[in-house]
Amino acid sequence: MKWVDHNNIHITLKFLGEISEDSTDELMLVLEESAQGIQPFQLEVREVGAFPNLERVQVLWVGVKGELEKITQLQKNIESNTEQLGFSRESRAFSPHLTLGRVRNEVRPKERQRLGKLLTDTSFTALHNVNVATVNLMKSQLTLTGPVYTCIGSVKLK
């Protein structure tokens, strides 16, 4: 398992891929427009799961509950507004989660299934509340030791 550094745990609302520095001002305006009318909200860290499923674990995640309608609306706004700038729509449904780790490529299918069974058999009762008051435009730079995230700009929810 390659664990995500705790400082890098986040919810991705829209992955943009490679963008030019010239477009950051325009993207910040899109974030401001997308956040209008959405007040700060609270999410609760609740459940543990895996992508693509518990039979073939590749990504271990923690799901969130709480004011999901607000984060879902924010994500829809961002999706729609970035599409107008020429970014493709995400083909998968939005599933707010926090990635905790990724199973390394060399792990055999039986071991992935065992991990899925362990997740199924484990009671996860931890509850942690997260107050969401900002949306950040982040730059991700992949390095040999893992991604390095840099905040390009923030928009406050009001």
N, C-alpha and C. Protein backbone atom coordinates (compact mmCIF):
# COMPACT_ATOMS: atom_id res chain seq x y z
N MET A 1 0.85 -1.18 0.00
CA MET A 1 0.00 0.00 0.00
C MET A 1 0.89 1.24 0.00
N LYS A 2 0.59 2.15 -0.88
CA LYS A 2 1.25 3.46 -0.89
C LYS A 2 0.28 4.43 -0.24
N TRP A 3 0.59 4.84 0.99
CA TRP A 3 -0.31 5.70 1.75
C TRP A 3 -0.18 7.14 1.29
N VAL A 4 -1.28 7.86 1.30
CA VAL A 4 -1.29 9.28 0.97
C VAL A 4 -0.79 10.05 2.20
N ASP A 5 0.14 10.95 2.00
CA ASP A 5 0.60 11.80 3.09
C ASP A 5 -0.60 12.55 3.66
N HIS A 6 -0.71 12.59 4.99
CA HIS A 6 -1.89 13.20 5.61
C HIS A 6 -2.09 14.67 5.20
N ASN A 7 -1.01 15.35 4.85
CA ASN A 7 -1.13 16.75 4.40
C ASN A 7 -1.73 16.86 3.00
N ASN A 8 -1.77 15.76 2.26
CA ASN A 8 -2.25 15.76 0.88
C ASN A 8 -3.66 15.21 0.73
N ILE A 9 -4.31 14.84 1.82
CA ILE A 9 -5.65 14.28 1.74
C ILE A 9 -6.64 15.40 1.43
N HIS A 10 -7.48 15.16 0.41
CA HIS A 10 -8.39 16.21 -0.07
C HIS A 10 -9.54 15.57 -0.84
N ILE A 11 -10.55 16.36 -1.13
CA ILE A 11 -11.64 15.94 -2.02
C ILE A 11 -11.45 16.68 -3.33
N THR A 12 -11.35 15.94 -4.42
CA THR A 12 -11.22 16.55 -5.74
C THR A 12 -12.61 16.83 -6.29
N LEU A 13 -12.88 18.10 -6.58
CA LEU A 13 -14.16 18.48 -7.18
C LEU A 13 -14.09 18.43 -8.70
N LYS A 14 -12.92 18.73 -9.26
CA LYS A 14 -12.73 18.68 -10.71
C LYS A 14 -11.24 18.55 -10.98
N PHE A 15 -10.88 17.49 -11.71
CA PHE A 15 -9.49 17.34 -12.13
C PHE A 15 -9.36 17.98 -13.51
N LEU A 16 -8.46 18.94 -13.62
CA LEU A 16 -8.33 19.71 -14.86
C LEU A 16 -7.22 19.19 -15.77
N GLY A 17 -6.27 18.46 -15.22
CA GLY A 17 -5.15 18.01 -16.03
C GLY A 17 -4.16 19.14 -16.24
N GLU A 18 -3.42 19.05 -17.31
CA GLU A 18 -2.40 20.05 -17.63
C GLU A 18 -3.07 21.35 -18.08
N ILE A 19 -2.75 22.45 -17.40
CA ILE A 19 -3.29 23.77 -17.79
C ILE A 19 -2.15 24.77 -17.86
N SER A 20 -2.36 25.82 -18.63
CA SER A 20 -1.33 26.86 -18.72
C SER A 20 -1.49 27.82 -17.55
N GLU A 21 -0.39 28.46 -17.19
CA GLU A 21 -0.45 29.45 -16.11
C GLU A 21 -1.33 30.62 -16.49
N ASP A 22 -1.46 30.87 -17.78
CA ASP A 22 -2.30 31.98 -18.27
C ASP A 22 -3.78 31.78 -17.92
N SER A 23 -4.18 30.55 -17.75
CA SER A 23 -5.60 30.28 -17.51
C SER A 23 -5.99 30.31 -16.03
N THR A 24 -5.04 30.51 -15.12
CA THR A 24 -5.37 30.46 -13.70
C THR A 24 -6.32 31.57 -13.27
N ASP A 25 -6.15 32.78 -13.80
CA ASP A 25 -7.04 33.88 -13.44
C ASP A 25 -8.48 33.55 -13.86
N GLU A 26 -8.62 33.02 -15.06
CA GLU A 26 -9.94 32.65 -15.57
C GLU A 26 -10.55 31.52 -14.72
N LEU A 27 -9.72 30.56 -14.31
CA LEU A 27 -10.21 29.46 -13.48
C LEU A 27 -10.61 29.95 -12.08
N MET A 28 -9.91 30.93 -11.56
CA MET A 28 -10.28 31.50 -10.27
C MET A 28 -11.64 32.19 -10.36
N LEU A 29 -11.90 32.87 -11.48
CA LEU A 29 -13.22 33.49 -11.69
C LEU A 29 -14.31 32.42 -11.76
N VAL A 30 -14.00 31.30 -12.41
CA VAL A 30 -14.94 30.19 -12.49
C VAL A 30 -15.24 29.65 -11.10
N LEU A 31 -14.22 29.51 -10.26
CA LEU A 31 -14.44 29.04 -8.89
C LEU A 31 -15.30 30.02 -8.11
N GLU A 32 -15.04 31.30 -8.26
CA GLU A 32 -15.84 32.32 -7.56
C GLU A 32 -17.29 32.24 -8.00
N GLU A 33 -17.52 32.13 -9.29
CA GLU A 33 -18.88 32.02 -9.81
C GLU A 33 -19.54 30.73 -9.33
N SER A 34 -18.80 29.65 -9.33
CA SER A 34 -19.35 28.35 -8.93
C SER A 34 -19.71 28.30 -7.45
N ALA A 35 -19.00 29.07 -6.64
CA ALA A 35 -19.23 29.06 -5.20
C ALA A 35 -20.33 30.01 -4.75
N GLN A 36 -20.78 30.88 -5.65
CA GLN A 36 -21.81 31.86 -5.27
C GLN A 36 -23.07 31.15 -4.78
N GLY A 37 -23.57 31.62 -3.65
CA GLY A 37 -24.80 31.07 -3.09
C GLY A 37 -24.60 29.81 -2.27
N ILE A 38 -23.38 29.33 -2.18
CA ILE A 38 -23.12 28.13 -1.37
C ILE A 38 -22.41 28.57 -0.10
N GLN A 39 -23.08 28.33 1.01
CA GLN A 39 -22.54 28.71 2.31
C GLN A 39 -21.61 27.62 2.83
N PRO A 40 -20.72 27.99 3.78
CA PRO A 40 -19.87 26.95 4.39
C PRO A 40 -20.73 25.80 4.90
N PHE A 41 -20.15 24.62 4.87
CA PHE A 41 -20.90 23.43 5.28
C PHE A 41 -20.01 22.46 6.02
N GLN A 42 -20.65 21.44 6.55
CA GLN A 42 -19.93 20.45 7.34
C GLN A 42 -20.09 19.07 6.72
N LEU A 43 -18.98 18.36 6.68
CA LEU A 43 -18.97 16.97 6.24
C LEU A 43 -18.50 16.10 7.39
N GLU A 44 -18.93 14.86 7.38
CA GLU A 44 -18.54 13.91 8.41
C GLU A 44 -17.81 12.75 7.75
N VAL A 45 -16.60 12.45 8.22
CA VAL A 45 -15.87 11.29 7.75
C VAL A 45 -16.55 10.07 8.35
N ARG A 46 -16.98 9.14 7.52
CA ARG A 46 -17.85 8.08 8.00
C ARG A 46 -17.45 6.66 7.65
N GLU A 47 -17.29 6.35 6.37
CA GLU A 47 -17.20 4.95 5.96
C GLU A 47 -15.93 4.69 5.19
N VAL A 48 -15.48 3.48 5.25
CA VAL A 48 -14.29 3.09 4.51
C VAL A 48 -14.73 2.23 3.33
N GLY A 49 -14.03 2.36 2.21
CA GLY A 49 -14.38 1.59 1.03
C GLY A 49 -13.20 1.50 0.08
N ALA A 50 -13.48 0.98 -1.12
CA ALA A 50 -12.42 0.77 -2.09
C ALA A 50 -12.93 0.97 -3.50
N PHE A 51 -12.05 1.44 -4.36
CA PHE A 51 -12.32 1.51 -5.80
C PHE A 51 -11.46 0.46 -6.47
N PRO A 52 -11.85 -0.20 -7.53
CA PRO A 52 -13.17 -0.09 -8.13
C PRO A 52 -14.24 -0.83 -7.32
N ASN A 53 -13.81 -1.84 -6.52
CA ASN A 53 -14.74 -2.55 -5.65
C ASN A 53 -13.93 -3.36 -4.64
N LEU A 54 -14.63 -4.03 -3.73
CA LEU A 54 -13.95 -4.78 -2.66
C LEU A 54 -13.35 -6.10 -3.14
N GLU A 55 -13.63 -6.50 -4.35
CA GLU A 55 -13.02 -7.72 -4.92
C GLU A 55 -11.68 -7.41 -5.58
N ARG A 56 -11.51 -6.18 -6.07
CA ARG A 56 -10.30 -5.79 -6.78
C ARG A 56 -9.78 -4.45 -6.24
N VAL A 57 -9.46 -4.41 -4.99
CA VAL A 57 -9.08 -3.15 -4.34
C VAL A 57 -7.86 -2.54 -5.02
N GLN A 58 -8.03 -1.30 -5.48
CA GLN A 58 -6.92 -0.53 -6.03
C GLN A 58 -6.69 0.74 -5.20
N VAL A 59 -7.80 1.35 -4.75
CA VAL A 59 -7.73 2.58 -3.96
C VAL A 59 -8.55 2.38 -2.69
N LEU A 60 -7.94 2.70 -1.56
CA LEU A 60 -8.62 2.66 -0.27
C LEU A 60 -9.06 4.08 0.06
N TRP A 61 -10.34 4.27 0.40
CA TRP A 61 -10.87 5.60 0.65
C TRP A 61 -11.76 5.64 1.88
N VAL A 62 -12.00 6.86 2.33
CA VAL A 62 -12.97 7.11 3.39
C VAL A 62 -14.03 8.01 2.79
N GLY A 63 -15.29 7.61 2.93
CA GLY A 63 -16.40 8.38 2.40
C GLY A 63 -16.86 9.43 3.38
N VAL A 64 -17.67 10.35 2.89
CA VAL A 64 -18.18 11.42 3.73
C VAL A 64 -19.70 11.45 3.68
N LYS A 65 -20.27 11.92 4.74
CA LYS A 65 -21.71 12.16 4.85
C LYS A 65 -21.87 13.61 5.29
N GLY A 66 -23.07 13.99 5.61
CA GLY A 66 -23.31 15.36 6.06
C GLY A 66 -24.05 16.16 5.01
N GLU A 67 -23.63 17.39 4.82
CA GLU A 67 -24.31 18.29 3.90
C GLU A 67 -23.85 18.03 2.46
N LEU A 68 -24.15 16.83 2.00
CA LEU A 68 -23.70 16.41 0.67
C LEU A 68 -24.35 17.21 -0.46
N GLU A 69 -25.54 17.73 -0.22
CA GLU A 69 -26.19 18.50 -1.28
C GLU A 69 -25.37 19.75 -1.62
N LYS A 70 -24.68 20.32 -0.64
CA LYS A 70 -23.88 21.53 -0.90
C LYS A 70 -22.61 21.20 -1.69
N ILE A 71 -21.91 20.15 -1.29
CA ILE A 71 -20.70 19.81 -2.03
C ILE A 71 -21.05 19.30 -3.43
N THR A 72 -22.17 18.60 -3.55
CA THR A 72 -22.61 18.11 -4.86
C THR A 72 -22.98 19.28 -5.77
N GLN A 73 -23.67 20.28 -5.23
CA GLN A 73 -24.02 21.46 -6.04
C GLN A 73 -22.76 22.22 -6.45
N LEU A 74 -21.84 22.36 -5.53
CA LEU A 74 -20.57 23.04 -5.83
C LEU A 74 -19.84 22.31 -6.96
N GLN A 75 -19.78 20.99 -6.87
CA GLN A 75 -19.11 20.21 -7.90
C GLN A 75 -19.82 20.34 -9.25
N LYS A 76 -21.15 20.31 -9.25
CA LYS A 76 -21.91 20.47 -10.50
C LYS A 76 -21.65 21.84 -11.11
N ASN A 77 -21.63 22.88 -10.27
CA ASN A 77 -21.35 24.23 -10.77
C ASN A 77 -19.97 24.31 -11.42
N ILE A 78 -18.98 23.74 -10.76
CA ILE A 78 -17.62 23.76 -11.28
C ILE A 78 -17.55 22.97 -12.59
N GLU A 79 -18.19 21.82 -12.60
CA GLU A 79 -18.20 20.98 -13.81
C GLU A 79 -18.79 21.74 -14.99
N SER A 80 -19.92 22.37 -14.77
CA SER A 80 -20.61 23.11 -15.82
C SER A 80 -19.79 24.32 -16.29
N ASN A 81 -19.27 25.07 -15.33
CA ASN A 81 -18.53 26.28 -15.67
C ASN A 81 -17.18 26.00 -16.33
N THR A 82 -16.52 24.92 -15.95
CA THR A 82 -15.25 24.59 -16.61
C THR A 82 -15.50 24.00 -18.00
N GLU A 83 -16.64 23.37 -18.19
CA GLU A 83 -16.99 22.86 -19.52
C GLU A 83 -17.09 24.02 -20.52
N GLN A 84 -17.61 25.14 -20.04
CA GLN A 84 -17.72 26.32 -20.91
C GLN A 84 -16.34 26.86 -21.32
N LEU A 85 -15.31 26.48 -20.55
CA LEU A 85 -13.94 26.89 -20.90
C LEU A 85 -13.25 25.84 -21.77
N GLY A 86 -13.96 24.76 -22.09
CA GLY A 86 -13.39 23.75 -22.97
C GLY A 86 -12.89 22.50 -22.27
N PHE A 87 -13.08 22.40 -20.95
CA PHE A 87 -12.68 21.19 -20.23
C PHE A 87 -13.76 20.13 -20.39
N SER A 88 -13.35 18.89 -20.57
CA SER A 88 -14.31 17.79 -20.74
C SER A 88 -15.02 17.50 -19.43
N ARG A 89 -16.29 17.07 -19.56
CA ARG A 89 -17.06 16.64 -18.40
C ARG A 89 -16.52 15.30 -17.91
N GLU A 90 -16.57 15.12 -16.61
CA GLU A 90 -16.19 13.84 -16.01
C GLU A 90 -17.24 12.81 -16.39
N SER A 91 -16.82 11.65 -16.83
CA SER A 91 -17.77 10.61 -17.24
C SER A 91 -18.35 9.85 -16.05
N ARG A 92 -17.60 9.81 -14.94
CA ARG A 92 -18.08 9.09 -13.75
C ARG A 92 -18.89 10.02 -12.86
N ALA A 93 -19.81 9.43 -12.13
CA ALA A 93 -20.61 10.20 -11.16
C ALA A 93 -19.69 10.69 -10.04
N PHE A 94 -19.99 11.87 -9.51
CA PHE A 94 -19.22 12.45 -8.41
C PHE A 94 -19.45 11.63 -7.16
N SER A 95 -18.38 11.21 -6.52
CA SER A 95 -18.44 10.42 -5.30
C SER A 95 -17.45 11.03 -4.31
N PRO A 96 -17.91 11.96 -3.46
CA PRO A 96 -16.98 12.64 -2.55
C PRO A 96 -16.32 11.65 -1.59
N HIS A 97 -15.00 11.65 -1.59
CA HIS A 97 -14.25 10.72 -0.76
C HIS A 97 -12.85 11.29 -0.51
N LEU A 98 -12.18 10.70 0.46
CA LEU A 98 -10.80 11.05 0.78
C LEU A 98 -9.95 9.82 0.51
N THR A 99 -9.05 9.89 -0.44
CA THR A 99 -8.18 8.75 -0.74
C THR A 99 -7.13 8.63 0.35
N LEU A 100 -7.05 7.41 0.92
CA LEU A 100 -6.06 7.15 1.98
C LEU A 100 -4.83 6.44 1.44
N GLY A 101 -5.01 5.59 0.44
CA GLY A 101 -3.87 4.85 -0.09
C GLY A 101 -4.22 4.15 -1.39
N ARG A 102 -3.17 3.74 -2.08
CA ARG A 102 -3.31 3.01 -3.34
C ARG A 102 -2.53 1.72 -3.24
N VAL A 103 -3.15 0.64 -3.68
CA VAL A 103 -2.49 -0.66 -3.67
C VAL A 103 -1.45 -0.66 -4.78
N ARG A 104 -0.26 -1.10 -4.45
CA ARG A 104 0.82 -1.12 -5.44
C ARG A 104 0.52 -2.12 -6.56
N ASN A 105 1.03 -1.86 -7.73
CA ASN A 105 0.76 -2.67 -8.92
C ASN A 105 1.13 -4.14 -8.75
N GLU A 106 2.19 -4.41 -8.01
CA GLU A 106 2.66 -5.79 -7.90
C GLU A 106 1.82 -6.67 -6.97
N VAL A 107 0.85 -6.11 -6.30
CA VAL A 107 0.00 -6.88 -5.39
C VAL A 107 -0.91 -7.80 -6.20
N ARG A 108 -0.92 -9.07 -5.83
CA ARG A 108 -1.69 -10.09 -6.55
C ARG A 108 -3.19 -9.97 -6.28
N PRO A 109 -4.01 -10.45 -7.21
CA PRO A 109 -5.47 -10.39 -7.04
C PRO A 109 -5.98 -10.99 -5.73
N LYS A 110 -5.41 -12.12 -5.29
CA LYS A 110 -5.84 -12.75 -4.03
C LYS A 110 -5.61 -11.82 -2.84
N GLU A 111 -4.49 -11.11 -2.85
CA GLU A 111 -4.20 -10.18 -1.76
C GLU A 111 -5.17 -9.00 -1.78
N ARG A 112 -5.54 -8.55 -2.98
CA ARG A 112 -6.52 -7.47 -3.11
C ARG A 112 -7.87 -7.91 -2.55
N GLN A 113 -8.25 -9.15 -2.85
CA GLN A 113 -9.51 -9.70 -2.34
C GLN A 113 -9.46 -9.82 -0.81
N ARG A 114 -8.30 -10.24 -0.28
CA ARG A 114 -8.16 -10.34 1.19
C ARG A 114 -8.31 -8.98 1.85
N LEU A 115 -7.74 -7.97 1.23
CA LEU A 115 -7.89 -6.61 1.76
C LEU A 115 -9.35 -6.19 1.73
N GLY A 116 -10.05 -6.48 0.64
CA GLY A 116 -11.48 -6.17 0.55
C GLY A 116 -12.28 -6.87 1.63
N LYS A 117 -11.95 -8.14 1.90
CA LYS A 117 -12.65 -8.89 2.95
C LYS A 117 -12.36 -8.27 4.31
N LEU A 118 -11.12 -7.88 4.54
CA LEU A 118 -10.76 -7.23 5.80
C LEU A 118 -11.56 -5.94 5.99
N LEU A 119 -11.71 -5.16 4.92
CA LEU A 119 -12.49 -3.92 4.99
C LEU A 119 -13.96 -4.23 5.30
N THR A 120 -14.49 -5.27 4.69
CA THR A 120 -15.88 -5.66 4.91
C THR A 120 -16.10 -6.11 6.35
N ASP A 121 -15.14 -6.83 6.89
CA ASP A 121 -15.27 -7.41 8.24
C ASP A 121 -14.91 -6.43 9.36
N THR A 122 -14.36 -5.29 9.01
CA THR A 122 -13.91 -4.34 10.02
C THR A 122 -14.98 -3.28 10.28
N SER A 123 -15.28 -3.08 11.56
CA SER A 123 -16.23 -2.05 11.94
C SER A 123 -15.49 -0.71 11.99
N PHE A 124 -15.98 0.25 11.26
CA PHE A 124 -15.36 1.57 11.21
C PHE A 124 -16.31 2.55 11.86
N THR A 125 -16.01 2.95 13.09
CA THR A 125 -16.93 3.80 13.84
C THR A 125 -16.38 5.20 14.09
N ALA A 126 -15.19 5.47 13.59
CA ALA A 126 -14.62 6.81 13.81
C ALA A 126 -15.48 7.85 13.12
N LEU A 127 -15.67 8.96 13.79
CA LEU A 127 -16.43 10.06 13.21
C LEU A 127 -15.62 11.33 13.39
N HIS A 128 -15.41 12.01 12.29
CA HIS A 128 -14.65 13.26 12.34
C HIS A 128 -15.39 14.28 11.49
N ASN A 129 -15.66 15.44 12.04
CA ASN A 129 -16.34 16.50 11.30
C ASN A 129 -15.32 17.43 10.65
N VAL A 130 -15.62 17.82 9.43
CA VAL A 130 -14.77 18.73 8.68
C VAL A 130 -15.61 19.92 8.26
N ASN A 131 -15.18 21.11 8.65
CA ASN A 131 -15.85 22.33 8.23
C ASN A 131 -15.26 22.78 6.90
N VAL A 132 -16.11 22.93 5.90
CA VAL A 132 -15.66 23.33 4.57
C VAL A 132 -16.06 24.79 4.37
N ALA A 133 -15.06 25.65 4.25
CA ALA A 133 -15.32 27.08 4.11
C ALA A 133 -14.63 27.68 2.90
N THR A 134 -13.77 26.91 2.24
CA THR A 134 -13.06 27.41 1.07
C THR A 134 -12.97 26.33 0.00
N VAL A 135 -12.77 26.79 -1.23
CA VAL A 135 -12.48 25.91 -2.36
C VAL A 135 -11.14 26.38 -2.91
N ASN A 136 -10.23 25.45 -3.14
CA ASN A 136 -8.89 25.81 -3.59
C ASN A 136 -8.63 25.32 -5.00
N LEU A 137 -7.94 26.14 -5.77
CA LEU A 137 -7.40 25.71 -7.05
C LEU A 137 -5.98 25.24 -6.74
N MET A 138 -5.73 23.95 -7.01
CA MET A 138 -4.47 23.35 -6.63
C MET A 138 -3.65 22.94 -7.84
N LYS A 139 -2.36 23.06 -7.69
CA LYS A 139 -1.42 22.55 -8.69
C LYS A 139 -0.82 21.28 -8.11
N SER A 140 -0.77 20.24 -8.91
CA SER A 140 -0.18 18.97 -8.49
C SER A 140 1.03 18.69 -9.34
N GLN A 141 2.16 18.48 -8.70
CA GLN A 141 3.39 18.16 -9.42
C GLN A 141 3.85 16.79 -8.94
N LEU A 142 3.92 15.83 -9.86
CA LEU A 142 4.35 14.49 -9.50
C LEU A 142 5.87 14.44 -9.38
N THR A 143 6.35 13.84 -8.27
CA THR A 143 7.78 13.65 -8.05
C THR A 143 8.01 12.18 -7.72
N LEU A 144 9.26 11.78 -7.63
CA LEU A 144 9.59 10.39 -7.29
C LEU A 144 9.09 10.01 -5.90
N THR A 145 8.97 10.97 -5.01
CA THR A 145 8.52 10.68 -3.65
C THR A 145 7.01 10.88 -3.46
N GLY A 146 6.34 11.26 -4.53
CA GLY A 146 4.89 11.47 -4.45
C GLY A 146 4.53 12.85 -4.95
N PRO A 147 3.22 13.15 -4.98
CA PRO A 147 2.79 14.46 -5.48
C PRO A 147 3.10 15.58 -4.50
N VAL A 148 3.38 16.74 -5.08
CA VAL A 148 3.55 17.96 -4.28
C VAL A 148 2.43 18.89 -4.71
N TYR A 149 1.61 19.30 -3.74
CA TYR A 149 0.47 20.17 -4.02
C TYR A 149 0.78 21.60 -3.63
N THR A 150 0.41 22.53 -4.50
CA THR A 150 0.59 23.95 -4.24
C THR A 150 -0.75 24.64 -4.47
N CYS A 151 -1.17 25.46 -3.51
CA CYS A 151 -2.41 26.19 -3.65
C CYS A 151 -2.16 27.42 -4.52
N ILE A 152 -2.89 27.49 -5.63
CA ILE A 152 -2.78 28.63 -6.55
C ILE A 152 -3.69 29.77 -6.10
N GLY A 153 -4.86 29.41 -5.55
CA GLY A 153 -5.80 30.42 -5.09
C GLY A 153 -6.95 29.79 -4.34
N SER A 154 -7.62 30.57 -3.52
CA SER A 154 -8.74 30.09 -2.71
C SER A 154 -9.95 31.00 -2.88
N VAL A 155 -11.11 30.38 -2.78
CA VAL A 155 -12.37 31.12 -2.81
C VAL A 155 -13.12 30.76 -1.53
N LYS A 156 -13.55 31.77 -0.81
CA LYS A 156 -14.30 31.53 0.42
C LYS A 156 -15.78 31.32 0.09
N LEU A 157 -16.36 30.35 0.75
CA LEU A 157 -17.81 30.16 0.64
C LEU A 157 -18.47 31.17 1.55
N LYS A 158 -19.58 31.80 1.08
CA LYS A 158 -20.25 32.82 1.90
C LYS A 158 -21.74 32.57 1.91
